[in-house]
Amino acid sequence: MKRIVTMQDLSCLGKCSLSVVLPTISAMGVECAVVPTAVLSTHMAFPKPEMEGLDHLAQRILDHWKTLSPQVDGILTGYLAHPGQVELAQRLIREFRGEETFVAVDPAMGDHGRLYTGTSEEMIFAMAELCRRADLVLPNVTEAALMTGLPYRPAADIGYLRELAAGLRDLGCREVLVTGASEDAQSTGFYWSCGKVEKQVLLPREPRNCHGTGDLFAAVVAGAVVQGLDTPRAGTLAAQFVRRAIQATPLERDSRYGVCFESELEWLAQQIRR
């Protein structure tokens, strides 16, 4: 069985980060090992969450793993709270990446043209350094603009997406997949670039935004690539899965609690088995 190690936080209420990544990767037939960076009562979209950082525990986890030399087929990093946790992710990649290990970085630090609450400007530079080590970087348009220094444009036409991708490849990334990449309000999807090869996939936009869908998308891409799919096919599968999860979520549900993705895991598993 393939194994992916993911490093990110755990929100005890409000589906995102580890609470969605772990079951999604597992449903795809891939073992998911975790390095938790923090435990939060809720994610930051809720008022005044309680949080306990786990930096020292994460260091000890990695110390212990070094004595075991586990097989690591994939590494996926998600939300990291501060530059010190980016250094932890750097260590994870440096010490556990094998010759065939696939490394994906989801530089989760902002959306809608601004950084997340509590995220410092310093994180932009730290995350850009982490992306240098990635085989695939998975930013949204905001994060791509922040790391490349380009102005944020919510209507992302193909020319703008090419600029973002070129700037990200200059960081050292082999492949770039920008999410939320659309120039109109009726569609959404992703733009993928690897060298001179590119692809854009668009789906009809659902009439609401829900928390945690970026984490779901990254989990499916990582799980699918480790299982042998190329990145554009993995991205298409991830986009379809996220859309199905949104559609399965009652309209009256508070979007902060995330999407009802659990009912769609069997569909996802069937796609992988084909």
C-alpha atoms as a PDB file:
ATOM      1  CA  MET A   1       0.000   0.000   0.000  1.00  0.00           C
ATOM      2  CA  LYS A   2       1.232   3.487  -0.868  1.00  0.00           C
ATOM      3  CA  ARG A   3       1.784   5.931   1.998  1.00  0.00           C
ATOM      4  CA  ILE A   4       1.350   9.706   2.083  1.00  0.00           C
ATOM      5  CA  VAL A   5       2.567  11.787   5.011  1.00  0.00           C
ATOM      6  CA  THR A   6       0.644  15.004   5.539  1.00  0.00           C
ATOM      7  CA  MET A   7       1.621  17.848   7.843  1.00  0.00           C
ATOM      8  CA  GLN A   8      -1.121  20.258   8.917  1.00  0.00           C
ATOM      9  CA  ASP A   9      -3.432  21.121  11.816  1.00  0.00           C
ATOM     10  CA  LEU A  10      -6.523  19.413  13.213  1.00  0.00           C
ATOM     11  CA  SER A  11      -9.715  21.423  13.712  1.00  0.00           C
ATOM     12  CA  CYS A  12     -11.980  19.621  16.159  1.00  0.00           C
ATOM     13  CA  LEU A  13     -15.116  21.251  14.690  1.00  0.00           C
ATOM     14  CA  GLY A  14     -15.497  22.577  11.160  1.00  0.00           C
ATOM     15  CA  LYS A  15     -14.326  20.181   8.471  1.00  0.00           C
ATOM     16  CA  CYS A  16     -10.927  21.149   7.062  1.00  0.00           C
ATOM     17  CA  SER A  17      -7.239  20.203   7.202  1.00  0.00           C
ATOM     18  CA  LEU A  18      -6.607  16.801   8.803  1.00  0.00           C
ATOM     19  CA  SER A  19     -10.280  16.061   9.481  1.00  0.00           C
ATOM     20  CA  VAL A  20     -10.950  15.944   5.727  1.00  0.00           C
ATOM     21  CA  VAL A  21      -7.527  15.005   4.340  1.00  0.00           C
ATOM     22  CA  LEU A  22      -7.103  11.830   6.407  1.00  0.00           C
ATOM     23  CA  PRO A  23     -10.423  10.151   5.479  1.00  0.00           C
ATOM     24  CA  THR A  24     -10.218  11.250   1.842  1.00  0.00           C
ATOM     25  CA  ILE A  25      -6.727   9.872   1.210  1.00  0.00           C
ATOM     26  CA  SER A  26      -7.622   6.688   3.124  1.00  0.00           C
ATOM     27  CA  ALA A  27     -10.755   6.164   0.998  1.00  0.00           C
ATOM     28  CA  MET A  28      -8.535   6.298  -2.096  1.00  0.00           C
ATOM     29  CA  GLY A  29      -6.644   3.214  -0.922  1.00  0.00           C
ATOM     30  CA  VAL A  30      -3.585   5.109   0.297  1.00  0.00           C
ATOM     31  CA  GLU A  31      -2.279   4.996   3.857  1.00  0.00           C
ATOM     32  CA  CYS A  32      -2.264   8.471   5.395  1.00  0.00           C
ATOM     33  CA  ALA A  33       0.337   9.158   8.088  1.00  0.00           C
ATOM     34  CA  VAL A  34       0.017  12.494   9.865  1.00  0.00           C
ATOM     35  CA  VAL A  35       2.208  15.080  11.543  1.00  0.00           C
ATOM     36  CA  PRO A  36      -0.230  17.385  13.395  1.00  0.00           C
ATOM     37  CA  THR A  37       1.032  20.933  13.846  1.00  0.00           C
ATOM     38  CA  ALA A  38      -1.776  22.197  16.098  1.00  0.00           C
ATOM     39  CA  VAL A  39      -5.143  21.262  17.555  1.00  0.00           C
ATOM     40  CA  LEU A  40      -7.890  23.891  17.325  1.00  0.00           C
ATOM     41  CA  SER A  41     -11.378  23.870  18.810  1.00  0.00           C
ATOM     42  CA  THR A  42     -12.568  25.231  15.445  1.00  0.00           C
ATOM     43  CA  HIS A  43     -10.841  26.734  12.434  1.00  0.00           C
ATOM     44  CA  MET A  44     -10.185  30.467  12.292  1.00  0.00           C
ATOM     45  CA  ALA A  45     -13.455  31.403  10.554  1.00  0.00           C
ATOM     46  CA  PHE A  46     -15.207  30.878  13.884  1.00  0.00           C
ATOM     47  CA  PRO A  47     -14.814  33.500  16.631  1.00  0.00           C
ATOM     48  CA  LYS A  48     -12.128  33.037  19.292  1.00  0.00           C
ATOM     49  CA  PRO A  49     -11.046  29.421  18.707  1.00  0.00           C
ATOM     50  CA  GLU A  50      -8.929  27.674  21.293  1.00  0.00           C
ATOM     51  CA  MET A  51      -5.592  26.459  19.925  1.00  0.00           C
ATOM     52  CA  GLU A  52      -2.669  24.390  21.143  1.00  0.00           C
ATOM     53  CA  GLY A  53       0.465  24.431  19.001  1.00  0.00           C
ATOM     54  CA  LEU A  54       2.253  21.110  18.617  1.00  0.00           C
ATOM     55  CA  ASP A  55       5.611  22.217  17.247  1.00  0.00           C
ATOM     56  CA  HIS A  56       7.662  20.358  19.857  1.00  0.00           C
ATOM     57  CA  LEU A  57       5.561  17.205  19.476  1.00  0.00           C
ATOM     58  CA  ALA A  58       5.957  17.372  15.692  1.00  0.00           C
ATOM     59  CA  GLN A  59       9.739  17.519  16.153  1.00  0.00           C
ATOM     60  CA  ARG A  60       9.610  14.433  18.384  1.00  0.00           C
ATOM     61  CA  ILE A  61       7.414  12.599  15.873  1.00  0.00           C
ATOM     62  CA  LEU A  62       9.998  13.204  13.171  1.00  0.00           C
ATOM     63  CA  ASP A  63      12.799  12.186  15.550  1.00  0.00           C
ATOM     64  CA  HIS A  64      11.027   8.884  16.238  1.00  0.00           C
ATOM     65  CA  TRP A  65      10.289   8.259  12.571  1.00  0.00           C
ATOM     66  CA  LYS A  66      13.981   8.679  11.765  1.00  0.00           C
ATOM     67  CA  THR A  67      14.635   5.533  13.826  1.00  0.00           C
ATOM     68  CA  LEU A  68      12.018   3.625  11.785  1.00  0.00           C
ATOM     69  CA  SER A  69      12.897   4.740   8.222  1.00  0.00           C
ATOM     70  CA  PRO A  70       9.293   4.403   6.975  1.00  0.00           C
ATOM     71  CA  GLN A  71       8.530   4.203   3.255  1.00  0.00           C
ATOM     72  CA  VAL A  72       7.136   7.564   2.131  1.00  0.00           C
ATOM     73  CA  ASP A  73       5.557   7.649  -1.334  1.00  0.00           C
ATOM     74  CA  GLY A  74       4.076  11.104  -1.012  1.00  0.00           C
ATOM     75  CA  ILE A  75       4.284  14.205   1.168  1.00  0.00           C
ATOM     76  CA  LEU A  76       1.485  16.771   1.348  1.00  0.00           C
ATOM     77  CA  THR A  77       1.779  19.951   3.394  1.00  0.00           C
ATOM     78  CA  GLY A  78      -1.251  22.104   4.151  1.00  0.00           C
ATOM     79  CA  TYR A  79      -1.991  25.013   6.477  1.00  0.00           C
ATOM     80  CA  LEU A  80       1.014  26.001   8.598  1.00  0.00           C
ATOM     81  CA  ALA A  81       0.540  28.600  11.300  1.00  0.00           C
ATOM     82  CA  HIS A  82       3.913  30.385  11.311  1.00  0.00           C
ATOM     83  CA  PRO A  83       7.389  30.261   9.726  1.00  0.00           C
ATOM     84  CA  GLY A  84       8.649  27.843  12.399  1.00  0.00           C
ATOM     85  CA  GLN A  85       6.145  25.274  11.163  1.00  0.00           C
ATOM     86  CA  VAL A  86       7.360  25.869   7.622  1.00  0.00           C
ATOM     87  CA  GLU A  87      10.801  24.871   8.901  1.00  0.00           C
ATOM     88  CA  LEU A  88       9.219  21.679  10.256  1.00  0.00           C
ATOM     89  CA  ALA A  89       7.823  20.971   6.802  1.00  0.00           C
ATOM     90  CA  GLN A  90      11.243  21.613   5.303  1.00  0.00           C
ATOM     91  CA  ARG A  91      12.671  19.027   7.683  1.00  0.00           C
ATOM     92  CA  LEU A  92       9.965  16.498   6.796  1.00  0.00           C
ATOM     93  CA  ILE A  93      10.779  16.808   3.104  1.00  0.00           C
ATOM     94  CA  ARG A  94      14.538  16.857   3.594  1.00  0.00           C
ATOM     95  CA  GLU A  95      14.709  13.775   5.817  1.00  0.00           C
ATOM     96  CA  PHE A  96      11.916  11.560   4.451  1.00  0.00           C
ATOM     97  CA  ARG A  97      11.873  12.245   0.713  1.00  0.00           C
ATOM     98  CA  GLY A  98      13.088   9.276  -1.301  1.00  0.00           C
ATOM     99  CA  GLU A  99      14.017   9.177  -4.959  1.00  0.00           C
ATOM    100  CA  GLU A 100      10.403   8.407  -5.958  1.00  0.00           C
ATOM    101  CA  THR A 101       8.611  10.457  -3.292  1.00  0.00           C
ATOM    102  CA  PHE A 102       6.048  12.903  -4.681  1.00  0.00           C
ATOM    103  CA  VAL A 103       5.970  16.214  -2.791  1.00  0.00           C
ATOM    104  CA  ALA A 104       2.944  18.497  -2.991  1.00  0.00           C
ATOM    105  CA  VAL A 105       2.692  21.842  -1.192  1.00  0.00           C
ATOM    106  CA  ASP A 106      -0.661  23.514  -0.640  1.00  0.00           C
ATOM    107  CA  PRO A 107       0.458  26.996   0.486  1.00  0.00           C
ATOM    108  CA  ALA A 108      -2.731  27.652   2.453  1.00  0.00           C
ATOM    109  CA  MET A 109      -2.370  31.225   3.677  1.00  0.00           C
ATOM    110  CA  GLY A 110      -4.973  33.427   1.975  1.00  0.00           C
ATOM    111  CA  ASP A 111      -7.972  33.867  -0.301  1.00  0.00           C
ATOM    112  CA  HIS A 112     -10.028  36.599  -1.963  1.00  0.00           C
ATOM    113  CA  GLY A 113      -6.957  38.801  -2.341  1.00  0.00           C
ATOM    114  CA  ARG A 114      -5.799  38.809   1.300  1.00  0.00           C
ATOM    115  CA  LEU A 115      -3.979  36.738   3.899  1.00  0.00           C
ATOM    116  CA  TYR A 116      -5.943  34.658   6.382  1.00  0.00           C
ATOM    117  CA  THR A 117      -6.599  36.165   9.801  1.00  0.00           C
ATOM    118  CA  GLY A 118      -3.512  35.767  11.959  1.00  0.00           C
ATOM    119  CA  THR A 119      -1.169  35.048   9.029  1.00  0.00           C
ATOM    120  CA  SER A 120       1.860  37.339   8.846  1.00  0.00           C
ATOM    121  CA  GLU A 121       3.530  38.819   5.793  1.00  0.00           C
ATOM    122  CA  GLU A 122       6.599  36.793   6.755  1.00  0.00           C
ATOM    123  CA  MET A 123       4.700  33.642   5.826  1.00  0.00           C
ATOM    124  CA  ILE A 124       4.670  34.664   2.165  1.00  0.00           C
ATOM    125  CA  PHE A 125       8.454  34.390   1.957  1.00  0.00           C
ATOM    126  CA  ALA A 126       8.621  31.272   4.128  1.00  0.00           C
ATOM    127  CA  MET A 127       5.993  29.508   2.021  1.00  0.00           C
ATOM    128  CA  ALA A 128       7.734  30.503  -1.209  1.00  0.00           C
ATOM    129  CA  GLU A 129      10.891  28.827   0.129  1.00  0.00           C
ATOM    130  CA  LEU A 130       8.905  25.677   0.918  1.00  0.00           C
ATOM    131  CA  CYS A 131       7.476  25.647  -2.601  1.00  0.00           C
ATOM    132  CA  ARG A 132      11.021  25.465  -3.975  1.00  0.00           C
ATOM    133  CA  ARG A 133      11.166  21.900  -2.660  1.00  0.00           C
ATOM    134  CA  ALA A 134       7.842  20.815  -4.198  1.00  0.00           C
ATOM    135  CA  ASP A 135       7.182  18.646  -7.235  1.00  0.00           C
ATOM    136  CA  LEU A 136       3.743  20.236  -7.355  1.00  0.00           C
ATOM    137  CA  VAL A 137       2.496  23.457  -5.779  1.00  0.00           C
ATOM    138  CA  LEU A 138      -1.270  23.951  -5.356  1.00  0.00           C
ATOM    139  CA  PRO A 139      -2.015  27.615  -4.609  1.00  0.00           C
ATOM    140  CA  ASN A 140      -5.244  29.453  -5.226  1.00  0.00           C
ATOM    141  CA  VAL A 141      -5.052  32.670  -7.239  1.00  0.00           C
ATOM    142  CA  THR A 142      -4.496  34.792  -4.122  1.00  0.00           C
ATOM    143  CA  GLU A 143      -1.621  32.655  -2.859  1.00  0.00           C
ATOM    144  CA  ALA A 144      -0.016  32.515  -6.294  1.00  0.00           C
ATOM    145  CA  ALA A 145      -0.165  36.305  -6.552  1.00  0.00           C
ATOM    146  CA  LEU A 146       1.281  36.765  -3.066  1.00  0.00           C
ATOM    147  CA  MET A 147       4.250  34.487  -3.731  1.00  0.00           C
ATOM    148  CA  THR A 148       5.046  35.885  -7.176  1.00  0.00           C
ATOM    149  CA  GLY A 149       4.525  39.542  -6.273  1.00  0.00           C
ATOM    150  CA  LEU A 150       1.961  39.992  -9.040  1.00  0.00           C
ATOM    151  CA  PRO A 151      -1.179  42.032  -8.337  1.00  0.00           C
ATOM    152  CA  TYR A 152      -4.235  39.967  -7.378  1.00  0.00           C
ATOM    153  CA  ARG A 153      -6.884  39.772 -10.097  1.00  0.00           C
ATOM    154  CA  PRO A 154     -10.103  37.915  -9.219  1.00  0.00           C
ATOM    155  CA  ALA A 155     -10.929  37.523 -12.920  1.00  0.00           C
ATOM    156  CA  ALA A 156      -8.030  35.247 -13.834  1.00  0.00           C
ATOM    157  CA  ASP A 157      -7.754  35.075 -17.620  1.00  0.00           C
ATOM    158  CA  ILE A 158      -5.362  32.662 -19.303  1.00  0.00           C
ATOM    159  CA  GLY A 159      -2.660  35.271 -19.804  1.00  0.00           C
ATOM    160  CA  TYR A 160      -2.658  36.151 -16.111  1.00  0.00           C
ATOM    161  CA  LEU A 161      -2.594  32.480 -15.129  1.00  0.00           C
ATOM    162  CA  ARG A 162       0.441  31.936 -17.345  1.00  0.00           C
ATOM    163  CA  GLU A 163       2.203  34.822 -15.588  1.00  0.00           C
ATOM    164  CA  LEU A 164       1.419  33.317 -12.192  1.00  0.00           C
ATOM    165  CA  ALA A 165       2.615  29.877 -13.274  1.00  0.00           C
ATOM    166  CA  ALA A 166       5.846  31.256 -14.726  1.00  0.00           C
ATOM    167  CA  GLY A 167       6.565  33.104 -11.490  1.00  0.00           C
ATOM    168  CA  LEU A 168       5.927  29.975  -9.439  1.00  0.00           C
ATOM    169  CA  ARG A 169       8.121  27.824 -11.673  1.00  0.00           C
ATOM    170  CA  ASP A 170      10.866  30.373 -11.148  1.00  0.00           C
ATOM    171  CA  LEU A 171      10.740  29.331  -7.487  1.00  0.00           C
ATOM    172  CA  GLY A 172      11.822  25.864  -8.587  1.00  0.00           C
ATOM    173  CA  CYS A 173       8.485  24.037  -8.805  1.00  0.00           C
ATOM    174  CA  ARG A 174       8.261  21.429 -11.568  1.00  0.00           C
ATOM    175  CA  GLU A 175       4.463  21.559 -11.809  1.00  0.00           C
ATOM    176  CA  VAL A 176       2.000  24.307 -10.893  1.00  0.00           C
ATOM    177  CA  LEU A 177      -1.733  23.856 -10.367  1.00  0.00           C
ATOM    178  CA  VAL A 178      -3.619  27.078  -9.597  1.00  0.00           C
ATOM    179  CA  THR A 179      -7.106  26.594  -8.158  1.00  0.00           C
ATOM    180  CA  GLY A 180     -10.073  28.937  -8.423  1.00  0.00           C
ATOM    181  CA  ALA A 181      -8.762  29.832 -11.870  1.00  0.00           C
ATOM    182  CA  SER A 182     -11.556  31.422 -13.908  1.00  0.00           C
ATOM    183  CA  GLU A 183     -12.242  34.788 -15.482  1.00  0.00           C
ATOM    184  CA  ASP A 184     -16.033  34.739 -15.036  1.00  0.00           C
ATOM    185  CA  ALA A 185     -18.512  34.218 -12.201  1.00  0.00           C
ATOM    186  CA  GLN A 186     -20.240  31.265 -13.852  1.00  0.00           C
ATOM    187  CA  SER A 187     -17.344  28.810 -13.766  1.00  0.00           C
ATOM    188  CA  THR A 188     -14.433  27.736 -11.622  1.00  0.00           C
ATOM    189  CA  GLY A 189     -11.666  25.188 -11.934  1.00  0.00           C
ATOM    190  CA  PHE A 190      -7.914  24.963 -12.164  1.00  0.00           C
ATOM    191  CA  TYR A 191      -5.000  25.827 -14.407  1.00  0.00           C
ATOM    192  CA  TRP A 192      -2.102  23.371 -14.653  1.00  0.00           C
ATOM    193  CA  SER A 193       1.319  24.089 -16.085  1.00  0.00           C
ATOM    194  CA  CYS A 194       4.475  22.025 -16.491  1.00  0.00           C
ATOM    195  CA  GLY A 195       7.110  23.661 -18.626  1.00  0.00           C
ATOM    196  CA  LYS A 196       5.500  24.562 -21.939  1.00  0.00           C
ATOM    197  CA  VAL A 197       2.572  22.183 -21.431  1.00  0.00           C
ATOM    198  CA  GLU A 198      -0.612  23.582 -19.906  1.00  0.00           C
ATOM    199  CA  LYS A 199      -4.245  22.713 -19.346  1.00  0.00           C
ATOM    200  CA  GLN A 200      -7.244  24.540 -17.937  1.00  0.00           C
ATOM    201  CA  VAL A 201     -10.272  22.660 -16.606  1.00  0.00           C
ATOM    202  CA  LEU A 202     -13.475  24.553 -15.827  1.00  0.00           C
ATOM    203  CA  LEU A 203     -16.712  23.357 -14.249  1.00  0.00           C
ATOM    204  CA  PRO A 204     -19.935  25.262 -13.560  1.00  0.00           C
ATOM    205  CA  ARG A 205     -19.565  27.254 -10.341  1.00  0.00           C
ATOM    206  CA  GLU A 206     -21.766  26.198  -7.443  1.00  0.00           C
ATOM    207  CA  PRO A 207     -23.850  29.053  -5.972  1.00  0.00           C
ATOM    208  CA  ARG A 208     -21.957  29.129  -2.636  1.00  0.00           C
ATOM    209  CA  ASN A 209     -18.517  28.878  -1.106  1.00  0.00           C
ATOM    210  CA  CYS A 210     -17.833  26.296   1.593  1.00  0.00           C
ATOM    211  CA  HIS A 211     -14.926  26.003   3.977  1.00  0.00           C
ATOM    212  CA  GLY A 212     -12.372  23.216   3.551  1.00  0.00           C
ATOM    213  CA  THR A 213     -12.863  22.496  -0.154  1.00  0.00           C
ATOM    214  CA  GLY A 214      -9.270  23.457  -0.954  1.00  0.00           C
ATOM    215  CA  ASP A 215      -8.041  20.847   1.519  1.00  0.00           C
ATOM    216  CA  LEU A 216     -10.288  18.233  -0.101  1.00  0.00           C
ATOM    217  CA  PHE A 217      -8.977  19.164  -3.535  1.00  0.00           C
ATOM    218  CA  ALA A 218      -5.331  18.872  -2.470  1.00  0.00           C
ATOM    219  CA  ALA A 219      -5.974  15.512  -0.760  1.00  0.00           C
ATOM    220  CA  VAL A 220      -7.526  14.005  -3.892  1.00  0.00           C
ATOM    221  CA  VAL A 221      -4.744  15.303  -6.138  1.00  0.00           C
ATOM    222  CA  ALA A 222      -2.031  13.877  -3.870  1.00  0.00           C
ATOM    223  CA  GLY A 223      -3.793  10.541  -3.470  1.00  0.00           C
ATOM    224  CA  ALA A 224      -4.462  10.199  -7.180  1.00  0.00           C
ATOM    225  CA  VAL A 225      -0.916  11.103  -8.274  1.00  0.00           C
ATOM    226  CA  VAL A 226       0.592   8.609  -5.824  1.00  0.00           C
ATOM    227  CA  GLN A 227      -1.768   6.006  -7.317  1.00  0.00           C
ATOM    228  CA  GLY A 228      -0.408   6.687 -10.811  1.00  0.00           C
ATOM    229  CA  LEU A 229      -2.642   9.365 -12.344  1.00  0.00           C
ATOM    230  CA  ASP A 230      -1.012  12.288 -14.092  1.00  0.00           C
ATOM    231  CA  THR A 231      -1.596  15.687 -12.518  1.00  0.00           C
ATOM    232  CA  PRO A 232      -4.241  17.027 -14.964  1.00  0.00           C
ATOM    233  CA  ARG A 233      -6.330  13.851 -14.524  1.00  0.00           C
ATOM    234  CA  ALA A 234      -5.847  14.012 -10.759  1.00  0.00           C
ATOM    235  CA  GLY A 235      -6.932  17.658 -10.747  1.00  0.00           C
ATOM    236  CA  THR A 236     -10.016  16.887 -12.828  1.00  0.00           C
ATOM    237  CA  LEU A 237     -10.996  14.088 -10.450  1.00  0.00           C
ATOM    238  CA  ALA A 238     -10.463  16.412  -7.478  1.00  0.00           C
ATOM    239  CA  ALA A 239     -12.606  19.142  -9.035  1.00  0.00           C
ATOM    240  CA  GLN A 240     -15.410  16.686  -9.741  1.00  0.00           C
ATOM    241  CA  PHE A 241     -15.250  15.294  -6.196  1.00  0.00           C
ATOM    242  CA  VAL A 242     -15.358  18.737  -4.580  1.00  0.00           C
ATOM    243  CA  ARG A 243     -18.317  19.731  -6.755  1.00  0.00           C
ATOM    244  CA  ARG A 244     -20.189  16.563  -5.794  1.00  0.00           C
ATOM    245  CA  ALA A 245     -19.437  17.234  -2.119  1.00  0.00           C
ATOM    246  CA  ILE A 246     -20.821  20.771  -2.371  1.00  0.00           C
ATOM    247  CA  GLN A 247     -23.933  19.496  -4.133  1.00  0.00           C
ATOM    248  CA  ALA A 248     -24.422  16.894  -1.375  1.00  0.00           C
ATOM    249  CA  THR A 249     -24.394  19.621   1.285  1.00  0.00           C
ATOM    250  CA  PRO A 250     -27.792  21.094   2.316  1.00  0.00           C
ATOM    251  CA  LEU A 251     -28.195  24.724   1.305  1.00  0.00           C
ATOM    252  CA  GLU A 252     -29.195  25.704   4.839  1.00  0.00           C
ATOM    253  CA  ARG A 253     -25.970  24.339   6.341  1.00  0.00           C
ATOM    254  CA  ASP A 254     -23.605  26.960   7.772  1.00  0.00           C
ATOM    255  CA  SER A 255     -20.709  27.007   5.290  1.00  0.00           C
ATOM    256  CA  ARG A 256     -18.150  27.267   8.116  1.00  0.00           C
ATOM    257  CA  TYR A 257     -18.888  23.656   9.063  1.00  0.00           C
ATOM    258  CA  GLY A 258     -17.639  22.405   5.690  1.00  0.00           C
ATOM    259  CA  VAL A 259     -19.166  20.153   3.057  1.00  0.00           C
ATOM    260  CA  CYS A 260     -20.806  16.742   3.416  1.00  0.00           C
ATOM    261  CA  PHE A 261     -18.053  14.946   1.537  1.00  0.00           C
ATOM    262  CA  GLU A 262     -18.482  11.643   3.372  1.00  0.00           C
ATOM    263  CA  SER A 263     -21.360  10.514   1.150  1.00  0.00           C
ATOM    264  CA  GLU A 264     -19.147  10.926  -1.926  1.00  0.00           C
ATOM    265  CA  LEU A 265     -16.155   8.889  -0.739  1.00  0.00           C
ATOM    266  CA  GLU A 266     -17.469   5.666  -2.267  1.00  0.00           C
ATOM    267  CA  TRP A 267     -17.773   7.411  -5.641  1.00  0.00           C
ATOM    268  CA  LEU A 268     -14.186   8.619  -5.276  1.00  0.00           C
ATOM    269  CA  ALA A 269     -12.946   5.158  -4.387  1.00  0.00           C
ATOM    270  CA  GLN A 270     -14.688   3.722  -7.454  1.00  0.00           C
ATOM    271  CA  GLN A 271     -12.976   6.243  -9.741  1.00  0.00           C
ATOM    272  CA  ILE A 272      -9.573   5.267  -8.365  1.00  0.00           C
ATOM    273  CA  ARG A 273     -10.263   1.551  -8.802  1.00  0.00           C
ATOM    274  CA  ARG A 274     -11.110   1.958 -12.500  1.00  0.00           C
END
